[in-house]
Amino acid sequence: METKKLYRSKTNRIFAGICGGLGDYLAVDPVLIRLVWLLVVIFTGFVPGLLVYILAIFIIPEKRES
């Protein structure tokens, strides 16, 4: 059984590929993840949501071409 790993997407990206990578990892449409993320950012205040997104850019590695 192959283990899944979370990567930032190189192909399905708008800014850094975080939502595209989460969509691939969870087998969910990345558009849904982007909409949920937008709601989280709006309802929690912009600073916490953007801070988490910026941290995710540095923590989650970009997918390498195989």
Protein backbone atom coordinates (compact mmCIF):
# COMPACT_ATOMS: atom_id res chain seq x y z
CA MET A 1 0.00 0.00 0.00
CA GLU A 2 1.39 3.34 -1.05
CA THR A 3 1.42 6.08 1.57
CA LYS A 4 0.09 9.46 0.54
CA LYS A 5 2.13 12.58 1.18
CA LEU A 6 1.02 16.17 1.16
CA TYR A 7 2.73 18.34 -1.44
CA ARG A 8 2.09 21.73 -2.97
CA SER A 9 0.75 21.27 -6.48
CA LYS A 10 2.80 22.47 -9.43
CA THR A 11 -0.03 22.21 -11.94
CA ASN A 12 -3.20 23.04 -10.00
CA ARG A 13 -2.20 26.32 -8.45
CA ILE A 14 -3.38 29.88 -8.27
CA PHE A 15 -0.83 31.31 -5.84
CA ALA A 16 1.41 28.71 -4.21
CA GLY A 17 -0.34 25.38 -4.85
CA ILE A 18 -1.46 24.82 -1.25
CA CYS A 19 -5.16 24.30 -2.02
CA GLY A 20 -4.37 22.25 -5.13
CA GLY A 21 -2.11 19.99 -3.10
CA LEU A 22 -4.72 19.60 -0.37
CA GLY A 23 -7.28 18.75 -3.03
CA ASP A 24 -5.03 16.05 -4.46
CA TYR A 25 -4.28 14.67 -0.99
CA LEU A 26 -7.92 14.58 0.14
CA ALA A 27 -9.34 13.63 -3.29
CA VAL A 28 -11.56 16.71 -3.27
CA ASP A 29 -12.00 19.40 -5.89
CA PRO A 30 -9.49 22.18 -5.08
CA VAL A 31 -12.15 24.80 -5.84
CA LEU A 32 -14.10 23.59 -2.80
CA ILE A 33 -10.99 23.86 -0.65
CA ARG A 34 -10.37 27.39 -1.95
CA LEU A 35 -13.94 28.41 -1.11
CA VAL A 36 -13.74 26.94 2.39
CA TRP A 37 -10.36 28.61 2.92
CA LEU A 38 -11.79 31.94 1.80
CA LEU A 39 -14.66 31.61 4.28
CA VAL A 40 -12.24 30.72 7.07
CA VAL A 41 -10.08 33.75 6.27
CA ILE A 42 -13.08 36.09 6.17
CA PHE A 43 -14.76 34.84 9.34
CA THR A 44 -11.62 34.52 11.49
CA GLY A 45 -10.13 37.81 10.45
CA PHE A 46 -7.61 38.11 7.68
CA VAL A 47 -4.43 37.91 9.75
CA PRO A 48 -4.77 34.36 11.19
CA GLY A 49 -5.87 32.83 7.88
CA LEU A 50 -3.16 34.52 5.85
CA LEU A 51 -0.53 33.70 8.46
CA VAL A 52 -1.42 30.00 8.30
CA TYR A 53 -1.32 30.09 4.49
CA ILE A 54 2.10 31.76 4.48
CA LEU A 55 3.41 29.21 7.01
CA ALA A 56 2.03 26.39 4.84
CA ILE A 57 4.04 27.72 1.88
CA PHE A 58 7.25 27.17 3.84
CA ILE A 59 6.24 23.94 5.60
CA ILE A 60 4.64 21.92 2.79
CA PRO A 61 7.21 20.92 0.14
CA GLU A 62 6.55 21.38 -3.56
CA LYS A 63 5.92 18.19 -5.51
CA ARG A 64 8.91 17.05 -7.51
CA GLU A 65 8.61 15.79 -11.04
CA SER A 66 9.14 12.05 -11.17
